[in-house]
Amino acid sequence: MSAKGPNNLFKSVRNGAFSLGVFAVVTAAAISLTFVTGSDAIAANKAAAKARALSAVMPPDFYDQSLLSAPIELQDFAPLNITPPALGYAAVKFGSTQAIVLPVITKDGYSGDIALLIGIDQEGFIRGVRTIEHKETPGLGDKVERKKSPWIDSFIGRSLANTPSKDWSVTKDGGVFDGFTGATITPRAVVKAVYQGLLYHERHHAALYAKTQEN
């Protein structure tokens, strides 16, 4: 073998190793960039979904800034059955809070927890309610979803003032809210949870609005 043979072999190995090293660096950078970009996209999608859910329970004439921009740290939130971070959201217009969006969870659903958002104005009237998560039976309990049934809109305009406590139940129990044929447990649980949301809003009214006025 000539003297050039080992040198050429060494150069080939060195060049190959260099190419592999460059490839590894570029691949790692691409993977990192994809991960970061993907994480940002996921976060953006979650924020957009949350914004849509909040706006679904609060008419646009109650706020002139993003609902997500005015979070409220809720205190004494045990009646709402939520877990930390316990956040509500203020509907702010012209620098003044006009209404509050509260999260509420009922653990009395037929198939598990039912998570809700409730929009309540400063006078205590419900402006909207949406079910954001549940495991209720398709075709029966899933009528708590707005896309499956308009039933959830029956809460709009209700308040503690115009609907006595005895009426906060389904008609089968003597209340004013319709049940679902073949599925009473689900609407019963949702009515109870919405009522708890109104009670929380009333009991913590001063604190809720005092905090949001500072934002």
N, C-alpha and C. Protein backbone atom coordinates (compact mmCIF):
# COMPACT_ATOMS: atom_id res chain seq x y z
N MET A 1 0.85 -1.19 0.00
CA MET A 1 0.00 0.00 0.00
C MET A 1 0.88 1.23 0.00
N SER A 2 0.54 2.20 -0.81
CA SER A 2 1.34 3.43 -0.90
C SER A 2 1.10 4.27 0.33
N ALA A 3 1.96 5.27 0.53
CA ALA A 3 1.84 6.16 1.68
C ALA A 3 0.57 6.97 1.62
N LYS A 4 0.10 7.15 0.35
CA LYS A 4 -1.13 7.95 0.22
C LYS A 4 -2.36 7.20 0.70
N GLY A 5 -2.26 5.84 0.69
CA GLY A 5 -3.43 5.04 1.07
C GLY A 5 -3.93 5.35 2.46
N PRO A 6 -3.09 5.25 3.50
CA PRO A 6 -3.53 5.55 4.87
C PRO A 6 -4.04 6.98 5.00
N ASN A 7 -3.35 7.90 4.32
CA ASN A 7 -3.77 9.30 4.41
C ASN A 7 -5.17 9.50 3.83
N ASN A 8 -5.39 8.87 2.67
CA ASN A 8 -6.71 8.98 2.04
C ASN A 8 -7.79 8.36 2.92
N LEU A 9 -7.45 7.20 3.52
CA LEU A 9 -8.40 6.53 4.40
C LEU A 9 -8.72 7.40 5.62
N PHE A 10 -7.70 8.01 6.17
CA PHE A 10 -7.88 8.89 7.33
C PHE A 10 -8.76 10.08 6.99
N LYS A 11 -8.49 10.65 5.79
CA LYS A 11 -9.28 11.80 5.35
C LYS A 11 -10.74 11.40 5.15
N SER A 12 -10.95 10.21 4.59
CA SER A 12 -12.31 9.76 4.35
C SER A 12 -13.06 9.57 5.67
N VAL A 13 -12.37 8.93 6.62
CA VAL A 13 -12.99 8.74 7.93
C VAL A 13 -13.27 10.06 8.61
N ARG A 14 -12.28 10.97 8.53
CA ARG A 14 -12.45 12.28 9.16
C ARG A 14 -13.60 13.05 8.53
N ASN A 15 -13.64 13.04 7.21
CA ASN A 15 -14.72 13.75 6.50
C ASN A 15 -16.08 13.15 6.82
N GLY A 16 -16.10 11.79 6.88
CA GLY A 16 -17.35 11.12 7.20
C GLY A 16 -17.83 11.48 8.60
N ALA A 17 -16.89 11.48 9.54
CA ALA A 17 -17.23 11.81 10.92
C ALA A 17 -17.71 13.25 11.02
N PHE A 18 -17.06 14.14 10.27
CA PHE A 18 -17.45 15.54 10.28
C PHE A 18 -18.88 15.70 9.73
N SER A 19 -19.14 14.99 8.63
CA SER A 19 -20.47 15.07 8.01
C SER A 19 -21.55 14.56 8.96
N LEU A 20 -21.21 13.43 9.64
CA LEU A 20 -22.16 12.89 10.61
C LEU A 20 -22.40 13.86 11.76
N GLY A 21 -21.31 14.51 12.19
CA GLY A 21 -21.43 15.48 13.28
C GLY A 21 -22.32 16.65 12.88
N VAL A 22 -22.09 17.16 11.67
CA VAL A 22 -22.91 18.28 11.17
C VAL A 22 -24.37 17.85 11.07
N PHE A 23 -24.57 16.63 10.54
CA PHE A 23 -25.94 16.11 10.39
C PHE A 23 -26.63 16.01 11.75
N ALA A 24 -25.89 15.51 12.76
CA ALA A 24 -26.44 15.36 14.10
C ALA A 24 -26.83 16.72 14.69
N VAL A 25 -25.97 17.71 14.51
CA VAL A 25 -26.24 19.05 15.03
C VAL A 25 -27.47 19.66 14.36
N VAL A 26 -27.51 19.54 13.03
CA VAL A 26 -28.64 20.10 12.28
C VAL A 26 -29.93 19.40 12.66
N THR A 27 -29.87 18.07 12.80
CA THR A 27 -31.07 17.31 13.17
C THR A 27 -31.56 17.70 14.56
N ALA A 28 -30.61 17.82 15.49
CA ALA A 28 -30.98 18.21 16.86
C ALA A 28 -31.60 19.59 16.88
N ALA A 29 -31.03 20.50 16.10
CA ALA A 29 -31.58 21.86 16.04
C ALA A 29 -32.97 21.86 15.44
N ALA A 30 -33.16 21.05 14.40
CA ALA A 30 -34.47 20.98 13.76
C ALA A 30 -35.51 20.41 14.70
N ILE A 31 -35.11 19.36 15.45
CA ILE A 31 -36.04 18.76 16.40
C ILE A 31 -36.41 19.75 17.50
N SER A 32 -35.41 20.47 17.98
CA SER A 32 -35.65 21.47 19.03
C SER A 32 -36.59 22.56 18.53
N LEU A 33 -36.34 23.02 17.31
CA LEU A 33 -37.16 24.07 16.73
C LEU A 33 -38.60 23.59 16.54
N THR A 34 -38.73 22.34 16.09
CA THR A 34 -40.06 21.76 15.89
C THR A 34 -40.79 21.64 17.22
N PHE A 35 -40.07 21.23 18.26
CA PHE A 35 -40.67 21.09 19.58
C PHE A 35 -41.14 22.43 20.11
N VAL A 36 -40.27 23.45 19.99
CA VAL A 36 -40.62 24.78 20.48
C VAL A 36 -41.80 25.34 19.70
N THR A 37 -41.73 25.20 18.36
CA THR A 37 -42.81 25.70 17.52
C THR A 37 -44.10 24.98 17.82
N GLY A 38 -44.00 23.64 17.98
CA GLY A 38 -45.19 22.85 18.30
C GLY A 38 -45.78 23.22 19.64
N SER A 39 -44.92 23.44 20.64
CA SER A 39 -45.39 23.83 21.98
C SER A 39 -46.09 25.17 21.93
N ASP A 40 -45.51 26.11 21.18
CA ASP A 40 -46.11 27.43 21.04
C ASP A 40 -47.48 27.32 20.36
N ALA A 41 -47.56 26.47 19.35
CA ALA A 41 -48.83 26.30 18.63
C ALA A 41 -49.88 25.69 19.54
N ILE A 42 -49.49 24.70 20.36
CA ILE A 42 -50.42 24.07 21.28
C ILE A 42 -50.93 25.08 22.31
N ALA A 43 -49.99 25.87 22.84
CA ALA A 43 -50.37 26.89 23.82
C ALA A 43 -51.32 27.92 23.20
N ALA A 44 -51.02 28.31 21.97
CA ALA A 44 -51.87 29.29 21.28
C ALA A 44 -53.26 28.72 21.03
N ASN A 45 -53.31 27.45 20.65
CA ASN A 45 -54.61 26.81 20.40
C ASN A 45 -55.42 26.70 21.69
N LYS A 46 -54.75 26.38 22.79
CA LYS A 46 -55.45 26.28 24.07
C LYS A 46 -56.00 27.63 24.49
N ALA A 47 -55.19 28.68 24.30
CA ALA A 47 -55.63 30.03 24.67
C ALA A 47 -56.82 30.45 23.81
N ALA A 48 -56.76 30.12 22.53
CA ALA A 48 -57.86 30.48 21.62
C ALA A 48 -59.14 29.75 22.01
N ALA A 49 -59.01 28.46 22.37
CA ALA A 49 -60.18 27.68 22.78
C ALA A 49 -60.78 28.24 24.07
N LYS A 50 -59.91 28.65 24.99
CA LYS A 50 -60.39 29.21 26.24
C LYS A 50 -61.09 30.54 26.01
N ALA A 51 -60.52 31.35 25.12
CA ALA A 51 -61.13 32.64 24.80
C ALA A 51 -62.51 32.45 24.19
N ARG A 52 -62.65 31.45 23.31
CA ARG A 52 -63.96 31.17 22.70
C ARG A 52 -64.98 30.73 23.75
N ALA A 53 -64.52 29.89 24.69
CA ALA A 53 -65.41 29.41 25.74
C ALA A 53 -65.88 30.56 26.63
N LEU A 54 -64.98 31.45 26.96
CA LEU A 54 -65.34 32.60 27.80
C LEU A 54 -66.31 33.53 27.08
N SER A 55 -66.05 33.78 25.82
CA SER A 55 -66.92 34.69 25.06
C SER A 55 -68.29 34.07 24.82
N ALA A 56 -68.40 32.75 24.89
CA ALA A 56 -69.69 32.08 24.69
C ALA A 56 -70.66 32.35 25.85
N VAL A 57 -70.13 32.68 27.02
CA VAL A 57 -71.00 32.93 28.17
C VAL A 57 -71.10 34.40 28.54
N MET A 58 -70.43 35.25 27.77
CA MET A 58 -70.46 36.68 28.08
C MET A 58 -70.67 37.49 26.81
N PRO A 59 -71.82 38.14 26.66
CA PRO A 59 -72.09 38.94 25.47
C PRO A 59 -71.03 40.02 25.27
N PRO A 60 -70.68 40.33 24.04
CA PRO A 60 -69.59 41.27 23.75
C PRO A 60 -69.82 42.70 24.23
N ASP A 61 -71.08 43.09 24.48
CA ASP A 61 -71.32 44.45 24.94
C ASP A 61 -70.93 44.66 26.40
N PHE A 62 -70.46 43.57 27.07
CA PHE A 62 -70.03 43.69 28.46
C PHE A 62 -68.54 43.94 28.60
N TYR A 63 -67.78 43.89 27.52
CA TYR A 63 -66.34 44.07 27.65
C TYR A 63 -65.74 44.66 26.38
N ASP A 64 -64.64 45.39 26.56
CA ASP A 64 -63.94 45.98 25.42
C ASP A 64 -62.46 45.57 25.41
N GLN A 65 -62.14 44.53 26.16
CA GLN A 65 -60.80 43.95 26.14
C GLN A 65 -60.94 42.45 26.32
N SER A 66 -59.90 41.72 25.99
CA SER A 66 -59.95 40.27 26.07
C SER A 66 -60.30 39.80 27.48
N LEU A 67 -61.22 38.86 27.56
CA LEU A 67 -61.57 38.30 28.86
C LEU A 67 -60.38 37.61 29.51
N LEU A 68 -59.52 37.04 28.68
CA LEU A 68 -58.32 36.37 29.20
C LEU A 68 -57.35 37.34 29.87
N SER A 69 -57.47 38.61 29.54
CA SER A 69 -56.52 39.59 30.08
C SER A 69 -56.89 40.06 31.48
N ALA A 70 -58.04 39.60 32.00
CA ALA A 70 -58.46 40.04 33.33
C ALA A 70 -58.81 38.86 34.23
N PRO A 71 -57.81 38.01 34.54
CA PRO A 71 -58.09 36.88 35.43
C PRO A 71 -58.29 37.33 36.87
N ILE A 72 -59.07 36.57 37.61
CA ILE A 72 -59.33 36.85 39.02
C ILE A 72 -58.97 35.62 39.82
N GLU A 73 -58.14 35.78 40.82
CA GLU A 73 -57.82 34.66 41.71
C GLU A 73 -58.95 34.50 42.72
N LEU A 74 -59.66 33.40 42.63
CA LEU A 74 -60.83 33.18 43.48
C LEU A 74 -60.42 32.68 44.87
N GLN A 75 -61.12 33.17 45.86
CA GLN A 75 -60.88 32.76 47.23
C GLN A 75 -62.09 31.96 47.74
N ASP A 76 -61.86 31.10 48.73
CA ASP A 76 -62.96 30.32 49.32
C ASP A 76 -63.79 29.64 48.23
N PHE A 77 -63.09 28.96 47.33
CA PHE A 77 -63.75 28.42 46.13
C PHE A 77 -64.26 26.99 46.29
N ALA A 78 -64.25 26.46 47.49
CA ALA A 78 -64.71 25.09 47.72
C ALA A 78 -66.12 24.83 47.17
N PRO A 79 -67.06 25.76 47.32
CA PRO A 79 -68.41 25.50 46.79
C PRO A 79 -68.46 25.33 45.27
N LEU A 80 -67.42 25.80 44.59
CA LEU A 80 -67.38 25.68 43.13
C LEU A 80 -66.78 24.35 42.68
N ASN A 81 -66.20 23.60 43.62
CA ASN A 81 -65.60 22.29 43.34
C ASN A 81 -64.44 22.34 42.34
N ILE A 82 -63.79 23.48 42.25
CA ILE A 82 -62.66 23.61 41.33
C ILE A 82 -61.35 23.45 42.10
N THR A 83 -60.27 23.25 41.37
CA THR A 83 -58.97 23.07 42.00
C THR A 83 -58.02 24.19 41.56
N PRO A 84 -57.01 24.49 42.37
CA PRO A 84 -56.05 25.53 41.99
C PRO A 84 -55.34 25.19 40.69
N PRO A 85 -54.96 26.18 39.88
CA PRO A 85 -55.23 27.61 40.11
C PRO A 85 -56.70 27.94 39.86
N ALA A 86 -57.36 28.51 40.87
CA ALA A 86 -58.79 28.82 40.79
C ALA A 86 -58.95 30.23 40.23
N LEU A 87 -59.27 30.29 38.96
CA LEU A 87 -59.37 31.59 38.29
C LEU A 87 -60.74 31.84 37.69
N GLY A 88 -61.26 33.03 37.93
CA GLY A 88 -62.43 33.52 37.22
C GLY A 88 -61.92 34.61 36.27
N TYR A 89 -62.81 35.21 35.52
CA TYR A 89 -62.39 36.25 34.57
C TYR A 89 -63.38 37.41 34.60
N ALA A 90 -62.84 38.62 34.54
CA ALA A 90 -63.67 39.81 34.59
C ALA A 90 -63.98 40.30 33.18
N ALA A 91 -65.21 40.74 32.99
CA ALA A 91 -65.60 41.41 31.75
C ALA A 91 -65.48 42.91 32.03
N VAL A 92 -64.46 43.52 31.45
CA VAL A 92 -64.13 44.91 31.74
C VAL A 92 -64.46 45.80 30.54
N LYS A 93 -65.17 46.90 30.81
CA LYS A 93 -65.51 47.86 29.76
C LYS A 93 -65.29 49.27 30.28
N PHE A 94 -64.56 50.06 29.51
CA PHE A 94 -64.21 51.43 29.92
C PHE A 94 -63.53 51.44 31.29
N GLY A 95 -62.74 50.39 31.54
CA GLY A 95 -61.98 50.31 32.78
C GLY A 95 -62.77 49.87 33.99
N SER A 96 -64.03 49.51 33.80
CA SER A 96 -64.88 49.10 34.92
C SER A 96 -65.40 47.68 34.69
N THR A 97 -65.39 46.88 35.72
CA THR A 97 -65.86 45.50 35.60
C THR A 97 -67.39 45.46 35.56
N GLN A 98 -67.89 44.86 34.50
CA GLN A 98 -69.34 44.78 34.30
C GLN A 98 -69.91 43.42 34.69
N ALA A 99 -69.08 42.40 34.66
CA ALA A 99 -69.57 41.04 34.90
C ALA A 99 -68.39 40.12 35.20
N ILE A 100 -68.71 38.90 35.62
CA ILE A 100 -67.70 37.91 35.99
C ILE A 100 -68.02 36.58 35.32
N VAL A 101 -66.98 35.88 34.89
CA VAL A 101 -67.14 34.51 34.41
C VAL A 101 -66.54 33.58 35.46
N LEU A 102 -67.36 32.66 35.95
CA LEU A 102 -66.93 31.73 37.00
C LEU A 102 -66.88 30.30 36.47
N PRO A 103 -65.84 29.55 36.84
CA PRO A 103 -65.82 28.11 36.54
C PRO A 103 -66.50 27.36 37.68
N VAL A 104 -67.27 26.35 37.35
CA VAL A 104 -67.93 25.53 38.35
C VAL A 104 -67.87 24.08 37.89
N ILE A 105 -67.66 23.18 38.82
CA ILE A 105 -67.67 21.75 38.51
C ILE A 105 -68.69 21.06 39.41
N THR A 106 -69.53 20.25 38.80
CA THR A 106 -70.42 19.40 39.59
C THR A 106 -69.90 17.98 39.53
N LYS A 107 -69.86 17.35 40.68
CA LYS A 107 -69.40 15.97 40.78
C LYS A 107 -70.57 14.98 40.80
N ASP A 108 -71.76 15.51 40.51
CA ASP A 108 -72.96 14.69 40.59
C ASP A 108 -73.47 14.21 39.23
N GLY A 109 -72.63 14.34 38.20
CA GLY A 109 -73.05 13.87 36.88
C GLY A 109 -73.23 12.36 36.85
N TYR A 110 -73.95 11.87 35.88
CA TYR A 110 -74.21 10.43 35.78
C TYR A 110 -72.92 9.65 35.53
N SER A 111 -72.02 10.22 34.71
CA SER A 111 -70.79 9.51 34.35
C SER A 111 -69.52 10.18 34.87
N GLY A 112 -69.67 11.13 35.77
CA GLY A 112 -68.49 11.80 36.31
C GLY A 112 -68.68 13.30 36.41
N ASP A 113 -67.57 14.00 36.56
CA ASP A 113 -67.61 15.45 36.71
C ASP A 113 -68.13 16.14 35.45
N ILE A 114 -68.81 17.26 35.66
CA ILE A 114 -69.25 18.12 34.56
C ILE A 114 -68.71 19.51 34.85
N ALA A 115 -67.88 20.02 33.95
CA ALA A 115 -67.27 21.35 34.13
C ALA A 115 -68.06 22.39 33.36
N LEU A 116 -68.32 23.51 34.02
CA LEU A 116 -69.13 24.57 33.43
C LEU A 116 -68.44 25.92 33.53
N LEU A 117 -68.85 26.84 32.66
CA LEU A 117 -68.52 28.25 32.79
C LEU A 117 -69.83 29.00 32.90
N ILE A 118 -69.88 29.97 33.83
CA ILE A 118 -71.10 30.75 34.03
C ILE A 118 -70.76 32.23 33.96
N GLY A 119 -71.45 32.95 33.09
CA GLY A 119 -71.27 34.39 32.99
C GLY A 119 -72.36 35.09 33.78
N ILE A 120 -71.97 35.93 34.74
CA ILE A 120 -72.93 36.61 35.62
C ILE A 120 -72.62 38.10 35.64
N ASP A 121 -73.63 38.93 35.41
CA ASP A 121 -73.37 40.37 35.41
C ASP A 121 -73.38 40.92 36.83
N GLN A 122 -73.06 42.19 36.94
CA GLN A 122 -72.89 42.80 38.26
C GLN A 122 -74.17 42.78 39.09
N GLU A 123 -75.32 42.75 38.41
CA GLU A 123 -76.59 42.72 39.13
C GLU A 123 -77.02 41.30 39.50
N GLY A 124 -76.22 40.30 39.10
CA GLY A 124 -76.51 38.93 39.48
C GLY A 124 -77.35 38.15 38.49
N PHE A 125 -77.47 38.66 37.26
CA PHE A 125 -78.21 37.94 36.24
C PHE A 125 -77.27 37.09 35.39
N ILE A 126 -77.69 35.88 35.10
CA ILE A 126 -76.89 34.99 34.26
C ILE A 126 -76.93 35.45 32.82
N ARG A 127 -75.78 35.57 32.21
CA ARG A 127 -75.68 36.00 30.82
C ARG A 127 -75.33 34.85 29.88
N GLY A 128 -74.91 33.75 30.44
CA GLY A 128 -74.61 32.59 29.62
C GLY A 128 -74.03 31.47 30.45
N VAL A 129 -74.27 30.23 30.02
CA VAL A 129 -73.70 29.04 30.66
C VAL A 129 -73.26 28.09 29.56
N ARG A 130 -72.10 27.48 29.72
CA ARG A 130 -71.63 26.48 28.78
C ARG A 130 -71.00 25.31 29.52
N THR A 131 -71.26 24.12 29.01
CA THR A 131 -70.58 22.92 29.49
C THR A 131 -69.29 22.79 28.70
N ILE A 132 -68.16 22.76 29.40
CA ILE A 132 -66.87 22.69 28.69
C ILE A 132 -66.22 21.31 28.78
N GLU A 133 -66.71 20.47 29.68
CA GLU A 133 -66.16 19.11 29.76
C GLU A 133 -67.15 18.20 30.49
N HIS A 134 -67.35 17.01 29.96
CA HIS A 134 -68.25 16.05 30.61
C HIS A 134 -68.01 14.66 29.99
N LYS A 135 -68.61 13.65 30.60
CA LYS A 135 -68.54 12.28 30.10
C LYS A 135 -69.93 11.65 30.08
N GLU A 136 -70.94 12.51 29.92
CA GLU A 136 -72.31 12.01 29.98
C GLU A 136 -72.67 11.19 28.75
N THR A 137 -73.72 10.41 28.89
CA THR A 137 -74.13 9.46 27.86
C THR A 137 -74.55 10.15 26.57
N PRO A 138 -73.95 9.78 25.43
CA PRO A 138 -74.35 10.35 24.14
C PRO A 138 -75.83 10.11 23.86
N GLY A 139 -76.49 11.14 23.40
CA GLY A 139 -77.91 11.03 23.08
C GLY A 139 -78.83 11.24 24.25
N LEU A 140 -78.28 11.30 25.46
CA LEU A 140 -79.08 11.52 26.66
C LEU A 140 -78.50 12.68 27.46
N GLY A 141 -77.53 12.38 28.30
CA GLY A 141 -76.94 13.42 29.14
C GLY A 141 -76.13 14.45 28.40
N ASP A 142 -75.68 14.13 27.18
CA ASP A 142 -74.85 15.09 26.45
C ASP A 142 -75.66 16.28 25.93
N LYS A 143 -76.96 16.32 26.22
CA LYS A 143 -77.76 17.48 25.83
C LYS A 143 -77.40 18.73 26.64
N VAL A 144 -76.51 18.57 27.61
CA VAL A 144 -76.01 19.76 28.32
C VAL A 144 -75.04 20.54 27.44
N GLU A 145 -74.62 19.97 26.33
CA GLU A 145 -73.78 20.68 25.36
C GLU A 145 -74.66 21.57 24.49
N ARG A 146 -74.24 22.78 24.27
CA ARG A 146 -75.03 23.72 23.47
C ARG A 146 -75.19 23.25 22.04
N LYS A 147 -74.20 22.55 21.50
CA LYS A 147 -74.30 22.09 20.12
C LYS A 147 -75.27 20.92 19.97
N LYS A 148 -75.62 20.28 21.10
CA LYS A 148 -76.55 19.16 21.05
C LYS A 148 -77.98 19.59 21.39
N SER A 149 -78.10 20.65 22.16
CA SER A 149 -79.42 21.09 22.61
C SER A 149 -79.33 22.53 23.12
N PRO A 150 -80.41 23.33 22.95
CA PRO A 150 -80.43 24.69 23.49
C PRO A 150 -80.79 24.73 24.98
N TRP A 151 -80.90 23.56 25.61
CA TRP A 151 -81.34 23.50 27.01
C TRP A 151 -80.52 24.40 27.92
N ILE A 152 -79.22 24.45 27.72
CA ILE A 152 -78.33 25.21 28.60
C ILE A 152 -78.67 26.70 28.59
N ASP A 153 -79.33 27.17 27.54
CA ASP A 153 -79.70 28.59 27.45
C ASP A 153 -80.87 28.95 28.36
N SER A 154 -81.51 27.94 28.95
CA SER A 154 -82.65 28.22 29.83
C SER A 154 -82.23 28.96 31.10
N PHE A 155 -80.93 29.02 31.37
CA PHE A 155 -80.44 29.74 32.54
C PHE A 155 -80.29 31.24 32.29
N ILE A 156 -80.22 31.64 31.04
CA ILE A 156 -80.00 33.06 30.71
C ILE A 156 -81.13 33.92 31.28
N GLY A 157 -80.74 34.98 31.97
CA GLY A 157 -81.71 35.89 32.56
C GLY A 157 -82.15 35.51 33.96
N ARG A 158 -81.76 34.32 34.39
CA ARG A 158 -82.10 33.89 35.74
C ARG A 158 -81.19 34.56 36.76
N SER A 159 -81.72 34.74 37.97
CA SER A 159 -80.94 35.30 39.07
C SER A 159 -81.51 34.77 40.38
N LEU A 160 -80.85 35.06 41.47
CA LEU A 160 -81.38 34.66 42.77
C LEU A 160 -82.62 35.47 43.10
N ALA A 161 -82.73 36.66 42.51
CA ALA A 161 -83.86 37.53 42.80
C ALA A 161 -85.13 37.08 42.09
N ASN A 162 -85.00 36.64 40.84
CA ASN A 162 -86.21 36.28 40.10
C ASN A 162 -86.51 34.78 40.07
N THR A 163 -85.62 33.98 40.67
CA THR A 163 -85.85 32.53 40.74
C THR A 163 -85.55 32.06 42.16
N PRO A 164 -86.57 31.86 42.98
CA PRO A 164 -86.39 31.45 44.38
C PRO A 164 -85.61 30.13 44.48
N SER A 165 -85.02 29.91 45.63
CA SER A 165 -84.19 28.73 45.83
C SER A 165 -84.96 27.43 45.57
N LYS A 166 -86.25 27.40 45.91
CA LYS A 166 -87.05 26.19 45.72
C LYS A 166 -87.23 25.84 44.24
N ASP A 167 -87.04 26.82 43.37
CA ASP A 167 -87.22 26.60 41.93
C ASP A 167 -85.95 26.12 41.24
N TRP A 168 -84.83 26.11 41.96
CA TRP A 168 -83.56 25.71 41.35
C TRP A 168 -83.40 24.19 41.37
N SER A 169 -84.26 23.56 40.59
CA SER A 169 -84.21 22.11 40.41
C SER A 169 -84.99 21.78 39.14
N VAL A 170 -84.94 20.54 38.72
CA VAL A 170 -85.68 20.14 37.52
C VAL A 170 -87.16 19.98 37.86
N THR A 171 -88.00 20.03 36.85
CA THR A 171 -89.45 19.97 37.07
C THR A 171 -89.86 18.70 37.81
N LYS A 172 -89.14 17.61 37.58
CA LYS A 172 -89.46 16.35 38.26
C LYS A 172 -89.33 16.48 39.77
N ASP A 173 -88.45 17.41 40.20
CA ASP A 173 -88.24 17.64 41.63
C ASP A 173 -89.00 18.86 42.13
N GLY A 174 -89.88 19.41 41.29
CA GLY A 174 -90.66 20.57 41.71
C GLY A 174 -90.07 21.91 41.29
N GLY A 175 -89.00 21.89 40.50
CA GLY A 175 -88.37 23.12 40.06
C GLY A 175 -88.91 23.62 38.73
N VAL A 176 -88.20 24.56 38.12
CA VAL A 176 -88.68 25.18 36.88
C VAL A 176 -87.85 24.80 35.66
N PHE A 177 -86.83 23.97 35.85
CA PHE A 177 -85.96 23.61 34.74
C PHE A 177 -86.33 22.23 34.18
N ASP A 178 -86.51 22.16 32.88
CA ASP A 178 -86.86 20.89 32.25
C ASP A 178 -85.74 19.87 32.43
N GLY A 179 -86.13 18.62 32.52
CA GLY A 179 -85.16 17.53 32.54
C GLY A 179 -85.01 16.98 31.14
N PHE A 180 -84.25 15.90 31.01
CA PHE A 180 -84.12 15.22 29.72
C PHE A 180 -84.86 13.90 29.80
N THR A 181 -85.54 13.55 28.76
CA THR A 181 -86.22 12.25 28.74
C THR A 181 -85.21 11.12 28.90
N GLY A 182 -85.37 10.35 29.96
CA GLY A 182 -84.46 9.24 30.21
C GLY A 182 -83.16 9.61 30.87
N ALA A 183 -83.00 10.88 31.23
CA ALA A 183 -81.73 11.30 31.85
C ALA A 183 -81.98 12.49 32.77
N THR A 184 -82.38 12.20 33.98
CA THR A 184 -82.67 13.26 34.95
C THR A 184 -81.45 13.67 35.75
N ILE A 185 -80.56 12.73 35.98
CA ILE A 185 -79.40 12.99 36.85
C ILE A 185 -78.53 14.13 36.31
N THR A 186 -78.29 14.13 35.01
CA THR A 186 -77.40 15.13 34.42
C THR A 186 -77.94 16.55 34.56
N PRO A 187 -79.17 16.84 34.10
CA PRO A 187 -79.68 18.20 34.26
C PRO A 187 -79.84 18.62 35.72
N ARG A 188 -80.17 17.66 36.57
CA ARG A 188 -80.29 17.96 38.00
C ARG A 188 -78.94 18.46 38.55
N ALA A 189 -77.87 17.79 38.14
CA ALA A 189 -76.53 18.17 38.60
C ALA A 189 -76.13 19.54 38.08
N VAL A 190 -76.45 19.82 36.83
CA VAL A 190 -76.07 21.11 36.23
C VAL A 190 -76.84 22.26 36.88
N VAL A 191 -78.14 22.06 37.10
CA VAL A 191 -78.95 23.11 37.75
C VAL A 191 -78.37 23.44 39.12
N LYS A 192 -78.02 22.41 39.87
CA LYS A 192 -77.45 22.62 41.20
C LYS A 192 -76.13 23.38 41.12
N ALA A 193 -75.30 23.05 40.14
CA ALA A 193 -74.00 23.70 40.01
C ALA A 193 -74.16 25.17 39.62
N VAL A 194 -75.08 25.47 38.71
CA VAL A 194 -75.31 26.85 38.31
C VAL A 194 -75.81 27.67 39.50
N TYR A 195 -76.67 27.08 40.27
CA TYR A 195 -77.18 27.74 41.48
C TYR A 195 -76.04 28.06 42.45
N GLN A 196 -75.12 27.10 42.61
CA GLN A 196 -73.97 27.34 43.48
C GLN A 196 -73.11 28.48 42.95
N GLY A 197 -73.00 28.58 41.62
CA GLY A 197 -72.25 29.67 41.03
C GLY A 197 -72.87 31.02 41.36
N LEU A 198 -74.20 31.11 41.29
CA LEU A 198 -74.89 32.35 41.64
C LEU A 198 -74.71 32.70 43.11
N LEU A 199 -74.81 31.69 43.96
CA LEU A 199 -74.61 31.93 45.40
C LEU A 199 -73.20 32.44 45.67
N TYR A 200 -72.20 31.84 45.00
CA TYR A 200 -70.82 32.29 45.18
C TYR A 200 -70.68 33.74 44.74
N HIS A 201 -71.25 34.08 43.61
CA HIS A 201 -71.17 35.45 43.08
C HIS A 201 -71.79 36.43 44.07
N GLU A 202 -72.90 36.07 44.66
CA GLU A 202 -73.56 36.96 45.61
C GLU A 202 -72.73 37.12 46.89
N ARG A 203 -72.25 36.00 47.42
CA ARG A 203 -71.52 36.04 48.69
C ARG A 203 -70.18 36.74 48.58
N HIS A 204 -69.56 36.68 47.41
CA HIS A 204 -68.23 37.27 47.23
C HIS A 204 -68.26 38.49 46.32
N HIS A 205 -69.43 39.05 46.14
CA HIS A 205 -69.61 40.15 45.19
C HIS A 205 -68.64 41.30 45.44
N ALA A 206 -68.59 41.79 46.66
CA ALA A 206 -67.75 42.94 46.97
C ALA A 206 -66.27 42.64 46.67
N ALA A 207 -65.82 41.48 47.11
CA ALA A 207 -64.41 41.12 46.90
C ALA A 207 -64.10 40.93 45.42
N LEU A 208 -64.98 40.27 44.70
CA LEU A 208 -64.75 40.04 43.27
C LEU A 208 -64.59 41.33 42.50
N TYR A 209 -65.52 42.25 42.72
CA TYR A 209 -65.51 43.49 41.95
C TYR A 209 -64.47 44.47 42.45
N ALA A 210 -64.16 44.42 43.75
CA ALA A 210 -63.10 45.28 44.28
C ALA A 210 -61.76 44.91 43.67
N LYS A 211 -61.49 43.60 43.56
CA LYS A 211 -60.21 43.14 43.01
C LYS A 211 -60.09 43.50 41.54
N THR A 212 -61.17 43.27 40.80
CA THR A 212 -61.08 43.51 39.37
C THR A 212 -61.00 44.99 39.05
N GLN A 213 -61.54 45.84 39.90
CA GLN A 213 -61.45 47.27 39.64
C GLN A 213 -60.02 47.75 39.72
N GLU A 214 -59.16 46.99 40.43
CA GLU A 214 -57.76 47.37 40.57
C GLU A 214 -56.94 46.99 39.36
N ASN A 215 -57.44 46.07 38.49
CA ASN A 215 -56.66 45.58 37.34
C ASN A 215 -56.45 46.67 36.30
